[in-house]
Amino acid sequence: MATVEDLAERVERLLLRHEELERTAALFEKQLADVTHERDSLRSRLNAARSRIDSLLERLPAESAANKSKGATP
C-alpha cells in the first residue's frame, strides 16, 4: 500500500502536470483566436476582391458591345 509520502509526491506531480496542461491550453486558445482573426480578415478581403471582380465583369458586356458597334474586335 502506498505511503502518505508517495501519495503526496504523486499529487504534487499531478498538480505540476495540471499547471502545464493549463498553460498549454491557454497557448492553444491564443493561437486559435489569432488564426480565427486571420481567417476572418482573409474572408473579408476575399469578399471585397469578389465584389470588385463582379463589378468588373458587369462592365465587360457593355464595353464589349460598345467595341463591336465601333467595329473593333475584342
N, C-alpha and C. Protein backbone atom coordinates (compact mmCIF):
# COMPACT_ATOMS: atom_id res chain seq x y z
N MET A 1 0.85 -1.19 0.00
CA MET A 1 0.00 0.00 0.00
C MET A 1 0.89 1.25 0.00
N ALA A 2 0.45 2.26 -0.70
CA ALA A 2 1.24 3.48 -0.84
C ALA A 2 1.28 4.24 0.48
N THR A 3 2.42 4.82 0.73
CA THR A 3 2.55 5.63 1.93
C THR A 3 2.02 7.03 1.66
N VAL A 4 1.84 7.76 2.71
CA VAL A 4 1.36 9.13 2.60
C VAL A 4 2.36 9.96 1.79
N GLU A 5 3.64 9.73 1.98
CA GLU A 5 4.67 10.47 1.23
C GLU A 5 4.57 10.18 -0.27
N ASP A 6 4.35 8.90 -0.60
CA ASP A 6 4.21 8.53 -2.02
C ASP A 6 2.99 9.21 -2.63
N LEU A 7 1.90 9.19 -1.89
CA LEU A 7 0.69 9.84 -2.38
C LEU A 7 0.89 11.34 -2.54
N ALA A 8 1.57 11.95 -1.57
CA ALA A 8 1.83 13.39 -1.64
C ALA A 8 2.68 13.72 -2.86
N GLU A 9 3.69 12.87 -3.13
CA GLU A 9 4.56 13.08 -4.29
C GLU A 9 3.75 12.95 -5.59
N ARG A 10 2.88 11.98 -5.66
CA ARG A 10 2.05 11.79 -6.85
C ARG A 10 1.10 12.97 -7.04
N VAL A 11 0.55 13.45 -5.95
CA VAL A 11 -0.34 14.60 -6.03
C VAL A 11 0.42 15.82 -6.53
N GLU A 12 1.63 16.03 -6.03
CA GLU A 12 2.46 17.15 -6.48
C GLU A 12 2.75 17.05 -7.97
N ARG A 13 3.08 15.86 -8.45
CA ARG A 13 3.35 15.67 -9.87
C ARG A 13 2.09 15.93 -10.70
N LEU A 14 0.96 15.46 -10.19
CA LEU A 14 -0.29 15.72 -10.89
C LEU A 14 -0.62 17.21 -10.95
N LEU A 15 -0.35 17.92 -9.86
CA LEU A 15 -0.59 19.36 -9.85
C LEU A 15 0.31 20.08 -10.85
N LEU A 16 1.58 19.66 -10.89
CA LEU A 16 2.50 20.26 -11.86
C LEU A 16 2.05 19.97 -13.29
N ARG A 17 1.65 18.75 -13.53
CA ARG A 17 1.18 18.39 -14.87
C ARG A 17 -0.08 19.17 -15.23
N HIS A 18 -0.96 19.33 -14.26
CA HIS A 18 -2.18 20.11 -14.48
C HIS A 18 -1.84 21.56 -14.85
N GLU A 19 -0.89 22.15 -14.16
CA GLU A 19 -0.47 23.52 -14.47
C GLU A 19 0.12 23.60 -15.87
N GLU A 20 0.93 22.60 -16.24
CA GLU A 20 1.50 22.58 -17.59
C GLU A 20 0.40 22.50 -18.64
N LEU A 21 -0.58 21.64 -18.38
CA LEU A 21 -1.67 21.49 -19.33
C LEU A 21 -2.52 22.77 -19.42
N GLU A 22 -2.69 23.45 -18.31
CA GLU A 22 -3.43 24.72 -18.34
C GLU A 22 -2.68 25.75 -19.18
N ARG A 23 -1.36 25.83 -19.03
CA ARG A 23 -0.56 26.77 -19.83
C ARG A 23 -0.65 26.41 -21.31
N THR A 24 -0.55 25.12 -21.60
CA THR A 24 -0.63 24.67 -22.99
C THR A 24 -2.00 25.01 -23.57
N ALA A 25 -3.04 24.77 -22.81
CA ALA A 25 -4.40 25.07 -23.27
C ALA A 25 -4.55 26.57 -23.52
N ALA A 26 -3.97 27.40 -22.66
CA ALA A 26 -4.04 28.85 -22.84
C ALA A 26 -3.32 29.26 -24.13
N LEU A 27 -2.17 28.64 -24.39
CA LEU A 27 -1.45 28.94 -25.63
C LEU A 27 -2.27 28.53 -26.85
N PHE A 28 -2.90 27.36 -26.77
CA PHE A 28 -3.74 26.91 -27.89
C PHE A 28 -4.93 27.83 -28.09
N GLU A 29 -5.51 28.29 -27.02
CA GLU A 29 -6.64 29.22 -27.14
C GLU A 29 -6.20 30.52 -27.80
N LYS A 30 -5.01 31.01 -27.45
CA LYS A 30 -4.47 32.23 -28.06
C LYS A 30 -4.21 32.00 -29.54
N GLN A 31 -3.61 30.86 -29.86
CA GLN A 31 -3.37 30.55 -31.27
C GLN A 31 -4.67 30.44 -32.05
N LEU A 32 -5.66 29.81 -31.45
CA LEU A 32 -6.96 29.69 -32.11
C LEU A 32 -7.58 31.05 -32.35
N ALA A 33 -7.49 31.93 -31.37
CA ALA A 33 -8.03 33.28 -31.53
C ALA A 33 -7.30 34.02 -32.65
N ASP A 34 -5.97 33.88 -32.70
CA ASP A 34 -5.19 34.54 -33.74
C ASP A 34 -5.56 34.00 -35.12
N VAL A 35 -5.65 32.69 -35.25
CA VAL A 35 -5.96 32.08 -36.54
C VAL A 35 -7.39 32.43 -36.95
N THR A 36 -8.30 32.46 -36.00
CA THR A 36 -9.69 32.83 -36.30
C THR A 36 -9.74 34.27 -36.81
N HIS A 37 -9.00 35.15 -36.16
CA HIS A 37 -8.95 36.55 -36.61
C HIS A 37 -8.36 36.65 -38.02
N GLU A 38 -7.28 35.91 -38.26
CA GLU A 38 -6.66 35.92 -39.58
C GLU A 38 -7.63 35.38 -40.63
N ARG A 39 -8.34 34.29 -40.30
CA ARG A 39 -9.31 33.72 -41.23
C ARG A 39 -10.40 34.73 -41.56
N ASP A 40 -10.91 35.41 -40.54
CA ASP A 40 -11.97 36.40 -40.76
C ASP A 40 -11.48 37.56 -41.62
N SER A 41 -10.24 37.96 -41.38
CA SER A 41 -9.65 39.04 -42.17
C SER A 41 -9.49 38.61 -43.63
N LEU A 42 -8.98 37.40 -43.84
CA LEU A 42 -8.82 36.89 -45.20
C LEU A 42 -10.17 36.72 -45.89
N ARG A 43 -11.16 36.27 -45.14
CA ARG A 43 -12.50 36.10 -45.72
C ARG A 43 -13.06 37.46 -46.15
N SER A 44 -12.81 38.48 -45.34
CA SER A 44 -13.27 39.83 -45.67
C SER A 44 -12.57 40.33 -46.93
N ARG A 45 -11.25 40.11 -47.02
CA ARG A 45 -10.51 40.53 -48.20
C ARG A 45 -10.98 39.78 -49.44
N LEU A 46 -11.28 38.50 -49.28
CA LEU A 46 -11.78 37.69 -50.39
C LEU A 46 -13.11 38.23 -50.87
N ASN A 47 -14.00 38.54 -49.95
CA ASN A 47 -15.31 39.08 -50.33
C ASN A 47 -15.17 40.42 -51.04
N ALA A 48 -14.24 41.26 -50.59
CA ALA A 48 -14.02 42.54 -51.24
C ALA A 48 -13.48 42.33 -52.66
N ALA A 49 -12.55 41.39 -52.80
CA ALA A 49 -12.00 41.10 -54.12
C ALA A 49 -13.08 40.55 -55.04
N ARG A 50 -13.91 39.66 -54.52
CA ARG A 50 -15.02 39.12 -55.33
C ARG A 50 -15.95 40.24 -55.79
N SER A 51 -16.21 41.15 -54.90
CA SER A 51 -17.09 42.27 -55.24
C SER A 51 -16.48 43.11 -56.36
N ARG A 52 -15.19 43.38 -56.27
CA ARG A 52 -14.52 44.16 -57.32
C ARG A 52 -14.53 43.40 -58.65
N ILE A 53 -14.29 42.11 -58.59
CA ILE A 53 -14.30 41.30 -59.82
C ILE A 53 -15.70 41.26 -60.43
N ASP A 54 -16.71 41.08 -59.57
CA ASP A 54 -18.09 41.08 -60.07
C ASP A 54 -18.42 42.41 -60.74
N SER A 55 -17.96 43.49 -60.15
CA SER A 55 -18.20 44.81 -60.73
C SER A 55 -17.53 44.94 -62.09
N LEU A 56 -16.30 44.44 -62.18
CA LEU A 56 -15.60 44.48 -63.47
C LEU A 56 -16.28 43.59 -64.50
N LEU A 57 -16.74 42.42 -64.07
CA LEU A 57 -17.42 41.51 -65.00
C LEU A 57 -18.72 42.11 -65.52
N GLU A 58 -19.40 42.85 -64.67
CA GLU A 58 -20.64 43.50 -65.11
C GLU A 58 -20.37 44.54 -66.19
N ARG A 59 -19.19 45.15 -66.14
CA ARG A 59 -18.85 46.16 -67.13
C ARG A 59 -18.42 45.55 -68.46
N LEU A 60 -17.94 44.32 -68.46
CA LEU A 60 -17.42 43.71 -69.68
C LEU A 60 -18.43 43.64 -70.83
N PRO A 61 -19.62 43.13 -70.63
CA PRO A 61 -20.53 43.05 -71.79
C PRO A 61 -20.85 44.41 -72.37
N ALA A 62 -21.02 45.40 -71.55
CA ALA A 62 -21.32 46.74 -72.06
C ALA A 62 -20.15 47.28 -72.86
N GLU A 63 -18.95 47.09 -72.39
CA GLU A 63 -17.77 47.56 -73.13
C GLU A 63 -17.58 46.75 -74.40
N SER A 64 -17.83 45.45 -74.31
CA SER A 64 -17.67 44.58 -75.46
C SER A 64 -18.68 44.95 -76.55
N ALA A 65 -19.91 45.23 -76.18
CA ALA A 65 -20.94 45.63 -77.14
C ALA A 65 -20.59 46.98 -77.76
N ALA A 66 -20.06 47.89 -76.96
CA ALA A 66 -19.68 49.21 -77.46
C ALA A 66 -18.55 49.08 -78.47
N ASN A 67 -17.59 48.19 -78.19
CA ASN A 67 -16.47 47.98 -79.11
C ASN A 67 -16.95 47.36 -80.41
N LYS A 68 -17.91 46.44 -80.36
CA LYS A 68 -18.41 45.81 -81.58
C LYS A 68 -19.15 46.82 -82.45
N SER A 69 -19.87 47.73 -81.80
CA SER A 69 -20.62 48.72 -82.59
C SER A 69 -19.67 49.69 -83.27
N LYS A 70 -18.48 49.86 -82.74
CA LYS A 70 -17.49 50.74 -83.36
C LYS A 70 -16.67 50.00 -84.39
N GLY A 71 -16.88 48.68 -84.48
CA GLY A 71 -16.12 47.90 -85.47
C GLY A 71 -14.83 47.35 -84.93
N ALA A 72 -14.57 47.50 -83.66
CA ALA A 72 -13.35 46.96 -83.06
C ALA A 72 -13.54 45.49 -82.75
N THR A 73 -12.45 44.76 -82.82
CA THR A 73 -12.50 43.34 -82.47
C THR A 73 -11.96 43.17 -81.06
N PRO A 74 -12.54 42.21 -80.29
CA PRO A 74 -12.10 42.04 -78.90
C PRO A 74 -10.71 41.47 -78.81
